[in-house]
Amino acid sequence: MSQISRDDVARLAKLARLALTDHELDSFAGQLDAILEHVSQIQAVDTSDVKPTDNPLKDVNVTRPDVVQACLTQEEALAEAPSSAEGRFAVPQILGESQ
């Protein structure tokens, strides 16, 4: 038995403000009915003995460990900048922004 009719699809399309042709209404009605049938089959599966889980895979930390390493000094970083002022990178003013 069909779970969704062509009229249901037309009503949903109207609510979504979609303009569908007669052919599209017929096609989508069949497709949506097939989807609802699959959902019904999945819902019919007895899962009472299945333990709830949020993730079936073991949790693994994929990030590298934090290791303190040498880095550029402020002077070294600013030496490569096109422009600097007062120990900071100098960039052009953004339009409408006060200084």
PDB file of N, CA and C in Angstrom:
ATOM      1  N   MET A   1       0.837  -1.183   0.000  1.00  0.00           N
ATOM      2  CA  MET A   1       0.000   0.000   0.000  1.00  0.00           C
ATOM      3  C   MET A   1       0.882   1.246   0.000  1.00  0.00           C
ATOM      4  N   SER A   2       0.484   2.221  -0.775  1.00  0.00           N
ATOM      5  CA  SER A   2       1.248   3.455  -0.907  1.00  0.00           C
ATOM      6  C   SER A   2       1.126   4.288   0.373  1.00  0.00           C
ATOM      7  N   GLN A   3       2.281   4.775   0.863  1.00  0.00           N
ATOM      8  CA  GLN A   3       2.285   5.576   2.083  1.00  0.00           C
ATOM      9  C   GLN A   3       2.170   7.060   1.792  1.00  0.00           C
ATOM     10  N   ILE A   4       2.483   7.457   0.577  1.00  0.00           N
ATOM     11  CA  ILE A   4       2.391   8.872   0.216  1.00  0.00           C
ATOM     12  C   ILE A   4       1.765   8.975  -1.175  1.00  0.00           C
ATOM     13  N   SER A   5       0.810   9.869  -1.294  1.00  0.00           N
ATOM     14  CA  SER A   5       0.097  10.008  -2.567  1.00  0.00           C
ATOM     15  C   SER A   5       0.644  11.181  -3.366  1.00  0.00           C
ATOM     16  N   ARG A   6       0.206  11.245  -4.593  1.00  0.00           N
ATOM     17  CA  ARG A   6       0.584  12.362  -5.458  1.00  0.00           C
ATOM     18  C   ARG A   6       0.080  13.673  -4.868  1.00  0.00           C
ATOM     19  N   ASP A   7      -1.117  13.641  -4.266  1.00  0.00           N
ATOM     20  CA  ASP A   7      -1.674  14.842  -3.634  1.00  0.00           C
ATOM     21  C   ASP A   7      -0.836  15.277  -2.428  1.00  0.00           C
ATOM     22  N   ASP A   8      -0.317  14.311  -1.673  1.00  0.00           N
ATOM     23  CA  ASP A   8       0.575  14.634  -0.548  1.00  0.00           C
ATOM     24  C   ASP A   8       1.828  15.341  -1.053  1.00  0.00           C
ATOM     25  N   VAL A   9       2.389  14.844  -2.144  1.00  0.00           N
ATOM     26  CA  VAL A   9       3.585  15.456  -2.717  1.00  0.00           C
ATOM     27  C   VAL A   9       3.273  16.859  -3.205  1.00  0.00           C
ATOM     28  N   ALA A  10       2.127  17.046  -3.824  1.00  0.00           N
ATOM     29  CA  ALA A  10       1.726  18.375  -4.307  1.00  0.00           C
ATOM     30  C   ALA A  10       1.566  19.338  -3.132  1.00  0.00           C
ATOM     31  N   ARG A  11       0.977  18.863  -2.033  1.00  0.00           N
ATOM     32  CA  ARG A  11       0.814  19.719  -0.846  1.00  0.00           C
ATOM     33  C   ARG A  11       2.169  20.082  -0.242  1.00  0.00           C
ATOM     34  N   LEU A  12       3.081  19.102  -0.149  1.00  0.00           N
ATOM     35  CA  LEU A  12       4.424  19.373   0.368  1.00  0.00           C
ATOM     36  C   LEU A  12       5.184  20.336  -0.541  1.00  0.00           C
ATOM     37  N   ALA A  13       5.030  20.158  -1.850  1.00  0.00           N
ATOM     38  CA  ALA A  13       5.695  21.053  -2.800  1.00  0.00           C
ATOM     39  C   ALA A  13       5.168  22.475  -2.652  1.00  0.00           C
ATOM     40  N   LYS A  14       3.872  22.610  -2.428  1.00  0.00           N
ATOM     41  CA  LYS A  14       3.291  23.940  -2.239  1.00  0.00           C
ATOM     42  C   LYS A  14       3.832  24.574  -0.956  1.00  0.00           C
ATOM     43  N   LEU A  15       3.920  23.795   0.122  1.00  0.00           N
ATOM     44  CA  LEU A  15       4.451  24.314   1.381  1.00  0.00           C
ATOM     45  C   LEU A  15       5.912  24.749   1.227  1.00  0.00           C
ATOM     46  N   ALA A  16       6.665  24.020   0.402  1.00  0.00           N
ATOM     47  CA  ALA A  16       8.071  24.346   0.167  1.00  0.00           C
ATOM     48  C   ALA A  16       8.236  25.375  -0.947  1.00  0.00           C
ATOM     49  N   ARG A  17       7.126  25.823  -1.483  1.00  0.00           N
ATOM     50  CA  ARG A  17       7.122  26.802  -2.578  1.00  0.00           C
ATOM     51  C   ARG A  17       7.902  26.298  -3.792  1.00  0.00           C
ATOM     52  N   LEU A  18       7.652  25.030  -4.123  1.00  0.00           N
ATOM     53  CA  LEU A  18       8.272  24.418  -5.294  1.00  0.00           C
ATOM     54  C   LEU A  18       7.216  24.270  -6.384  1.00  0.00           C
ATOM     55  N   ALA A  19       7.550  24.650  -7.579  1.00  0.00           N
ATOM     56  CA  ALA A  19       6.658  24.472  -8.714  1.00  0.00           C
ATOM     57  C   ALA A  19       7.047  23.174  -9.415  1.00  0.00           C
ATOM     58  N   LEU A  20       6.217  22.155  -9.279  1.00  0.00           N
ATOM     59  CA  LEU A  20       6.512  20.856  -9.873  1.00  0.00           C
ATOM     60  C   LEU A  20       5.524  20.559 -10.992  1.00  0.00           C
ATOM     61  N   THR A  21       6.031  19.914 -12.037  1.00  0.00           N
ATOM     62  CA  THR A  21       5.170  19.494 -13.143  1.00  0.00           C
ATOM     63  C   THR A  21       4.419  18.231 -12.735  1.00  0.00           C
ATOM     64  N   ASP A  22       3.407  17.857 -13.532  1.00  0.00           N
ATOM     65  CA  ASP A  22       2.662  16.627 -13.251  1.00  0.00           C
ATOM     66  C   ASP A  22       3.584  15.414 -13.271  1.00  0.00           C
ATOM     67  N   HIS A  23       4.505  15.409 -14.217  1.00  0.00           N
ATOM     68  CA  HIS A  23       5.456  14.291 -14.311  1.00  0.00           C
ATOM     69  C   HIS A  23       6.329  14.222 -13.051  1.00  0.00           C
ATOM     70  N   GLU A  24       6.799  15.389 -12.573  1.00  0.00           N
ATOM     71  CA  GLU A  24       7.635  15.419 -11.369  1.00  0.00           C
ATOM     72  C   GLU A  24       6.850  14.974 -10.139  1.00  0.00           C
ATOM     73  N   LEU A  25       5.589  15.380 -10.048  1.00  0.00           N
ATOM     74  CA  LEU A  25       4.756  14.954  -8.923  1.00  0.00           C
ATOM     75  C   LEU A  25       4.624  13.436  -8.892  1.00  0.00           C
ATOM     76  N   ASP A  26       4.354  12.838 -10.060  1.00  0.00           N
ATOM     77  CA  ASP A  26       4.235  11.381 -10.137  1.00  0.00           C
ATOM     78  C   ASP A  26       5.557  10.701  -9.784  1.00  0.00           C
ATOM     79  N   SER A  27       6.650  11.233 -10.318  1.00  0.00           N
ATOM     80  CA  SER A  27       7.964  10.643 -10.090  1.00  0.00           C
ATOM     81  C   SER A  27       8.363  10.738  -8.617  1.00  0.00           C
ATOM     82  N   PHE A  28       8.186  11.926  -8.024  1.00  0.00           N
ATOM     83  CA  PHE A  28       8.564  12.114  -6.623  1.00  0.00           C
ATOM     84  C   PHE A  28       7.677  11.302  -5.691  1.00  0.00           C
ATOM     85  N   ALA A  29       6.407  11.135  -6.040  1.00  0.00           N
ATOM     86  CA  ALA A  29       5.512  10.327  -5.204  1.00  0.00           C
ATOM     87  C   ALA A  29       6.035   8.897  -5.118  1.00  0.00           C
ATOM     88  N   GLY A  30       6.460   8.358  -6.245  1.00  0.00           N
ATOM     89  CA  GLY A  30       7.011   6.998  -6.247  1.00  0.00           C
ATOM     90  C   GLY A  30       8.315   6.900  -5.476  1.00  0.00           C
ATOM     91  N   GLN A  31       9.179   7.881  -5.675  1.00  0.00           N
ATOM     92  CA  GLN A  31      10.469   7.875  -4.982  1.00  0.00           C
ATOM     93  C   GLN A  31      10.295   8.028  -3.473  1.00  0.00           C
ATOM     94  N   LEU A  32       9.450   8.961  -3.055  1.00  0.00           N
ATOM     95  CA  LEU A  32       9.225   9.163  -1.629  1.00  0.00           C
ATOM     96  C   LEU A  32       8.544   7.956  -0.994  1.00  0.00           C
ATOM     97  N   ASP A  33       7.650   7.317  -1.734  1.00  0.00           N
ATOM     98  CA  ASP A  33       6.997   6.106  -1.232  1.00  0.00           C
ATOM     99  C   ASP A  33       8.029   4.997  -1.014  1.00  0.00           C
ATOM    100  N   ALA A  34       8.981   4.863  -1.937  1.00  0.00           N
ATOM    101  CA  ALA A  34      10.031   3.853  -1.791  1.00  0.00           C
ATOM    102  C   ALA A  34      10.902   4.156  -0.569  1.00  0.00           C
ATOM    103  N   ILE A  35      11.213   5.429  -0.351  1.00  0.00           N
ATOM    104  CA  ILE A  35      12.020   5.821   0.816  1.00  0.00           C
ATOM    105  C   ILE A  35      11.271   5.489   2.098  1.00  0.00           C
ATOM    106  N   LEU A  36       9.984   5.839   2.158  1.00  0.00           N
ATOM    107  CA  LEU A  36       9.191   5.557   3.352  1.00  0.00           C
ATOM    108  C   LEU A  36       9.052   4.060   3.601  1.00  0.00           C
ATOM    109  N   GLU A  37       8.996   3.283   2.543  1.00  0.00           N
ATOM    110  CA  GLU A  37       8.929   1.823   2.683  1.00  0.00           C
ATOM    111  C   GLU A  37      10.212   1.284   3.311  1.00  0.00           C
ATOM    112  N   HIS A  38      11.353   1.789   2.870  1.00  0.00           N
ATOM    113  CA  HIS A  38      12.635   1.367   3.452  1.00  0.00           C
ATOM    114  C   HIS A  38      12.734   1.782   4.920  1.00  0.00           C
ATOM    115  N   VAL A  39      12.269   2.974   5.240  1.00  0.00           N
ATOM    116  CA  VAL A  39      12.280   3.442   6.628  1.00  0.00           C
ATOM    117  C   VAL A  39      11.400   2.530   7.489  1.00  0.00           C
ATOM    118  N   SER A  40      10.254   2.141   6.969  1.00  0.00           N
ATOM    119  CA  SER A  40       9.366   1.228   7.701  1.00  0.00           C
ATOM    120  C   SER A  40      10.042  -0.105   7.973  1.00  0.00           C
ATOM    121  N   GLN A  41      10.770  -0.606   6.996  1.00  0.00           N
ATOM    122  CA  GLN A  41      11.482  -1.875   7.178  1.00  0.00           C
ATOM    123  C   GLN A  41      12.554  -1.744   8.248  1.00  0.00           C
ATOM    124  N   ILE A  42      13.257  -0.636   8.257  1.00  0.00           N
ATOM    125  CA  ILE A  42      14.305  -0.421   9.259  1.00  0.00           C
ATOM    126  C   ILE A  42      13.681  -0.290  10.646  1.00  0.00           C
ATOM    127  N   GLN A  43      12.566   0.427  10.749  1.00  0.00           N
ATOM    128  CA  GLN A  43      11.905   0.598  12.039  1.00  0.00           C
ATOM    129  C   GLN A  43      11.345  -0.712  12.571  1.00  0.00           C
ATOM    130  N   ALA A  44      11.067  -1.668  11.693  1.00  0.00           N
ATOM    131  CA  ALA A  44      10.511  -2.957  12.112  1.00  0.00           C
ATOM    132  C   ALA A  44      11.562  -3.881  12.711  1.00  0.00           C
ATOM    133  N   VAL A  45      12.832  -3.565  12.551  1.00  0.00           N
ATOM    134  CA  VAL A  45      13.907  -4.414  13.083  1.00  0.00           C
ATOM    135  C   VAL A  45      13.903  -4.354  14.607  1.00  0.00           C
ATOM    136  N   ASP A  46      13.966  -5.533  15.244  1.00  0.00           N
ATOM    137  CA  ASP A  46      13.994  -5.606  16.706  1.00  0.00           C
ATOM    138  C   ASP A  46      15.391  -5.255  17.202  1.00  0.00           C
ATOM    139  N   THR A  47      15.495  -4.142  17.883  1.00  0.00           N
ATOM    140  CA  THR A  47      16.791  -3.697  18.407  1.00  0.00           C
ATOM    141  C   THR A  47      16.814  -3.708  19.929  1.00  0.00           C
ATOM    142  N   SER A  48      15.890  -4.437  20.537  1.00  0.00           N
ATOM    143  CA  SER A  48      15.802  -4.429  21.995  1.00  0.00           C
ATOM    144  C   SER A  48      17.053  -5.024  22.653  1.00  0.00           C
ATOM    145  N   ASP A  49      17.751  -5.941  21.980  1.00  0.00           N
ATOM    146  CA  ASP A  49      18.957  -6.547  22.548  1.00  0.00           C
ATOM    147  C   ASP A  49      20.242  -5.857  22.100  1.00  0.00           C
ATOM    148  N   VAL A  50      20.131  -4.757  21.383  1.00  0.00           N
ATOM    149  CA  VAL A  50      21.307  -4.050  20.882  1.00  0.00           C
ATOM    150  C   VAL A  50      21.680  -2.960  21.883  1.00  0.00           C
ATOM    151  N   LYS A  51      22.930  -3.011  22.333  1.00  0.00           N
ATOM    152  CA  LYS A  51      23.406  -2.032  23.301  1.00  0.00           C
ATOM    153  C   LYS A  51      23.572  -0.676  22.602  1.00  0.00           C
ATOM    154  N   PRO A  52      23.028   0.396  23.190  1.00  0.00           N
ATOM    155  CA  PRO A  52      23.198   1.724  22.588  1.00  0.00           C
ATOM    156  C   PRO A  52      24.674   2.121  22.576  1.00  0.00           C
ATOM    157  N   THR A  53      25.077   2.783  21.513  1.00  0.00           N
ATOM    158  CA  THR A  53      26.451   3.247  21.408  1.00  0.00           C
ATOM    159  C   THR A  53      26.474   4.552  20.637  1.00  0.00           C
ATOM    160  N   ASP A  54      27.402   5.430  20.994  1.00  0.00           N
ATOM    161  CA  ASP A  54      27.496   6.680  20.258  1.00  0.00           C
ATOM    162  C   ASP A  54      28.522   6.582  19.138  1.00  0.00           C
ATOM    163  N   ASN A  55      29.443   5.629  19.248  1.00  0.00           N
ATOM    164  CA  ASN A  55      30.476   5.450  18.238  1.00  0.00           C
ATOM    165  C   ASN A  55      30.975   4.007  18.298  1.00  0.00           C
ATOM    166  N   PRO A  56      30.800   3.237  17.235  1.00  0.00           N
ATOM    167  CA  PRO A  56      31.223   1.839  17.271  1.00  0.00           C
ATOM    168  C   PRO A  56      32.737   1.658  17.192  1.00  0.00           C
ATOM    169  N   LEU A  57      33.458   2.708  16.873  1.00  0.00           N
ATOM    170  CA  LEU A  57      34.913   2.610  16.742  1.00  0.00           C
ATOM    171  C   LEU A  57      35.580   3.068  18.028  1.00  0.00           C
ATOM    172  N   LYS A  58      36.761   2.536  18.283  1.00  0.00           N
ATOM    173  CA  LYS A  58      37.494   2.973  19.470  1.00  0.00           C
ATOM    174  C   LYS A  58      37.928   4.426  19.291  1.00  0.00           C
ATOM    175  N   ASP A  59      37.847   5.173  20.378  1.00  0.00           N
ATOM    176  CA  ASP A  59      38.311   6.557  20.336  1.00  0.00           C
ATOM    177  C   ASP A  59      39.824   6.572  20.264  1.00  0.00           C
ATOM    178  N   VAL A  60      40.342   7.289  19.290  1.00  0.00           N
ATOM    179  CA  VAL A  60      41.782   7.385  19.102  1.00  0.00           C
ATOM    180  C   VAL A  60      42.128   8.859  18.918  1.00  0.00           C
ATOM    181  N   ASN A  61      43.118   9.316  19.652  1.00  0.00           N
ATOM    182  CA  ASN A  61      43.562  10.685  19.500  1.00  0.00           C
ATOM    183  C   ASN A  61      44.524  10.734  18.312  1.00  0.00           C
ATOM    184  N   VAL A  62      44.127  11.456  17.285  1.00  0.00           N
ATOM    185  CA  VAL A  62      44.935  11.488  16.070  1.00  0.00           C
ATOM    186  C   VAL A  62      45.815  12.724  16.006  1.00  0.00           C
ATOM    187  N   THR A  63      45.807  13.527  17.061  1.00  0.00           N
ATOM    188  CA  THR A  63      46.649  14.713  17.046  1.00  0.00           C
ATOM    189  C   THR A  63      48.038  14.369  17.574  1.00  0.00           C
ATOM    190  N   ARG A  64      49.015  15.143  17.161  1.00  0.00           N
ATOM    191  CA  ARG A  64      50.379  14.910  17.616  1.00  0.00           C
ATOM    192  C   ARG A  64      50.540  15.477  19.015  1.00  0.00           C
ATOM    193  N   PRO A  65      51.480  14.982  19.776  1.00  0.00           N
ATOM    194  CA  PRO A  65      51.697  15.546  21.109  1.00  0.00           C
ATOM    195  C   PRO A  65      52.292  16.949  21.017  1.00  0.00           C
ATOM    196  N   ASP A  66      51.977  17.777  21.987  1.00  0.00           N
ATOM    197  CA  ASP A  66      52.541  19.129  22.037  1.00  0.00           C
ATOM    198  C   ASP A  66      53.993  19.042  22.473  1.00  0.00           C
ATOM    199  N   VAL A  67      54.858  19.603  21.642  1.00  0.00           N
ATOM    200  CA  VAL A  67      56.286  19.623  21.939  1.00  0.00           C
ATOM    201  C   VAL A  67      56.768  21.053  21.754  1.00  0.00           C
ATOM    202  N   VAL A  68      57.424  21.577  22.766  1.00  0.00           N
ATOM    203  CA  VAL A  68      57.949  22.935  22.668  1.00  0.00           C
ATOM    204  C   VAL A  68      59.119  22.922  21.695  1.00  0.00           C
ATOM    205  N   GLN A  69      59.062  23.816  20.711  1.00  0.00           N
ATOM    206  CA  GLN A  69      60.118  23.914  19.713  1.00  0.00           C
ATOM    207  C   GLN A  69      60.524  25.374  19.573  1.00  0.00           C
ATOM    208  N   ALA A  70      61.701  25.572  19.056  1.00  0.00           N
ATOM    209  CA  ALA A  70      62.179  26.933  18.814  1.00  0.00           C
ATOM    210  C   ALA A  70      61.328  27.577  17.719  1.00  0.00           C
ATOM    211  N   CYS A  71      61.072  28.865  17.867  1.00  0.00           N
ATOM    212  CA  CYS A  71      60.300  29.580  16.865  1.00  0.00           C
ATOM    213  C   CYS A  71      60.967  30.921  16.590  1.00  0.00           C
ATOM    214  N   LEU A  72      60.386  31.657  15.657  1.00  0.00           N
ATOM    215  CA  LEU A  72      60.944  32.957  15.301  1.00  0.00           C
ATOM    216  C   LEU A  72      60.803  33.944  16.457  1.00  0.00           C
ATOM    217  N   THR A  73      61.778  34.794  16.576  1.00  0.00           N
ATOM    218  CA  THR A  73      61.640  35.903  17.514  1.00  0.00           C
ATOM    219  C   THR A  73      60.787  36.972  16.846  1.00  0.00           C
ATOM    220  N   GLN A  74      60.333  37.930  17.617  1.00  0.00           N
ATOM    221  CA  GLN A  74      59.521  39.006  17.057  1.00  0.00           C
ATOM    222  C   GLN A  74      60.300  39.752  15.976  1.00  0.00           C
ATOM    223  N   GLU A  75      61.562  39.998  16.214  1.00  0.00           N
ATOM    224  CA  GLU A  75      62.384  40.720  15.239  1.00  0.00           C
ATOM    225  C   GLU A  75      62.539  39.918  13.944  1.00  0.00           C
ATOM    226  N   GLU A  76      62.745  38.593  14.064  1.00  0.00           N
ATOM    227  CA  GLU A  76      62.896  37.756  12.870  1.00  0.00           C
ATOM    228  C   GLU A  76      61.609  37.742  12.047  1.00  0.00           C
ATOM    229  N   ALA A  77      60.472  37.658  12.713  1.00  0.00           N
ATOM    230  CA  ALA A  77      59.197  37.644  12.005  1.00  0.00           C
ATOM    231  C   ALA A  77      58.953  38.981  11.302  1.00  0.00           C
ATOM    232  N   LEU A  78      59.212  40.064  12.003  1.00  0.00           N
ATOM    233  CA  LEU A  78      58.987  41.386  11.422  1.00  0.00           C
ATOM    234  C   LEU A  78      59.988  41.725  10.329  1.00  0.00           C
ATOM    235  N   ALA A  79      61.153  41.085  10.342  1.00  0.00           N
ATOM    236  CA  ALA A  79      62.165  41.349   9.316  1.00  0.00           C
ATOM    237  C   ALA A  79      61.664  40.954   7.926  1.00  0.00           C
ATOM    238  N   GLU A  80      60.768  39.995   7.835  1.00  0.00           N
ATOM    239  CA  GLU A  80      60.232  39.539   6.548  1.00  0.00           C
ATOM    240  C   GLU A  80      58.969  40.282   6.143  1.00  0.00           C
ATOM    241  N   ALA A  81      58.432  41.115   7.010  1.00  0.00           N
ATOM    242  CA  ALA A  81      57.191  41.836   6.715  1.00  0.00           C
ATOM    243  C   ALA A  81      57.458  42.987   5.759  1.00  0.00           C
ATOM    244  N   PRO A  82      56.528  43.275   4.858  1.00  0.00           N
ATOM    245  CA  PRO A  82      56.689  44.414   3.966  1.00  0.00           C
ATOM    246  C   PRO A  82      56.745  45.730   4.739  1.00  0.00           C
ATOM    247  N   SER A  83      56.021  45.776   5.867  1.00  0.00           N
ATOM    248  CA  SER A  83      55.990  47.002   6.658  1.00  0.00           C
ATOM    249  C   SER A  83      55.676  46.643   8.102  1.00  0.00           C
ATOM    250  N   SER A  84      56.305  47.359   9.040  1.00  0.00           N
ATOM    251  CA  SER A  84      56.021  47.133  10.457  1.00  0.00           C
ATOM    252  C   SER A  84      56.039  48.468  11.182  1.00  0.00           C
ATOM    253  N   ALA A  85      55.357  48.503  12.311  1.00  0.00           N
ATOM    254  CA  ALA A  85      55.319  49.716  13.119  1.00  0.00           C
ATOM    255  C   ALA A  85      55.091  49.325  14.565  1.00  0.00           C
ATOM    256  N   GLU A  86      55.874  49.871  15.459  1.00  0.00           N
ATOM    257  CA  GLU A  86      55.746  49.655  16.891  1.00  0.00           C
ATOM    258  C   GLU A  86      55.761  48.168  17.260  1.00  0.00           C
ATOM    259  N   GLY A  87      56.614  47.416  16.598  1.00  0.00           N
ATOM    260  CA  GLY A  87      56.753  45.995  16.914  1.00  0.00           C
ATOM    261  C   GLY A  87      55.630  45.114  16.399  1.00  0.00           C
ATOM    262  N   ARG A  88      54.849  45.599  15.427  1.00  0.00           N
ATOM    263  CA  ARG A  88      53.743  44.832  14.859  1.00  0.00           C
ATOM    264  C   ARG A  88      53.752  44.939  13.344  1.00  0.00           C
ATOM    265  N   PHE A  89      53.052  44.009  12.689  1.00  0.00           N
ATOM    266  CA  PHE A  89      52.874  44.106  11.256  1.00  0.00           C
ATOM    267  C   PHE A  89      52.030  45.327  10.958  1.00  0.00           C
ATOM    268  N   ALA A  90      52.397  46.103   9.954  1.00  0.00           N
ATOM    269  CA  ALA A  90      51.613  47.259   9.548  1.00  0.00           C
ATOM    270  C   ALA A  90      50.845  46.883   8.287  1.00  0.00           C
ATOM    271  N   VAL A  91      49.532  47.105   8.325  1.00  0.00           N
ATOM    272  CA  VAL A  91      48.677  46.781   7.185  1.00  0.00           C
ATOM    273  C   VAL A  91      47.899  48.019   6.785  1.00  0.00           C
ATOM    274  N   PRO A  92      47.451  48.106   5.534  1.00  0.00           N
ATOM    275  CA  PRO A  92      46.677  49.270   5.112  1.00  0.00           C
ATOM    276  C   PRO A  92      45.372  49.357   5.893  1.00  0.00           C
ATOM    277  N   GLN A  93      44.895  50.569   6.078  1.00  0.00           N
ATOM    278  CA  GLN A  93      43.631  50.805   6.790  1.00  0.00           C
ATOM    279  C   GLN A  93      42.484  50.263   5.966  1.00  0.00           C
ATOM    280  N   ILE A  94      41.516  49.670   6.636  1.00  0.00           N
ATOM    281  CA  ILE A  94      40.305  49.187   5.976  1.00  0.00           C
ATOM    282  C   ILE A  94      39.358  50.366   5.833  1.00  0.00           C
ATOM    283  N   LEU A  95      38.699  50.471   4.672  1.00  0.00           N
ATOM    284  CA  LEU A  95      37.798  51.579   4.418  1.00  0.00           C
ATOM    285  C   LEU A  95      36.730  51.677   5.504  1.00  0.00           C
ATOM    286  N   GLY A  96      36.486  52.867   5.982  1.00  0.00           N
ATOM    287  CA  GLY A  96      35.453  53.096   6.975  1.00  0.00           C
ATOM    288  C   GLY A  96      35.901  52.823   8.396  1.00  0.00           C
ATOM    289  N   GLU A  97      37.123  52.386   8.594  1.00  0.00           N
ATOM    290  CA  GLU A  97      37.622  52.071   9.929  1.00  0.00           C
ATOM    291  C   GLU A  97      38.444  53.240  10.434  1.00  0.00           C
ATOM    292  N   SER A  98      38.173  53.682  11.658  1.00  0.00           N
ATOM    293  CA  SER A  98      38.943  54.792  12.206  1.00  0.00           C
ATOM    294  C   SER A  98      40.270  54.270  12.759  1.00  0.00           C
ATOM    295  N   GLN A  99      41.274  55.147  12.768  1.00  0.00           N
ATOM    296  CA  GLN A  99      42.590  54.717  13.243  1.00  0.00           C
ATOM    297  C   GLN A  99      42.708  54.792  14.723  1.00  0.00           C
TER     298      GLN A  99
END
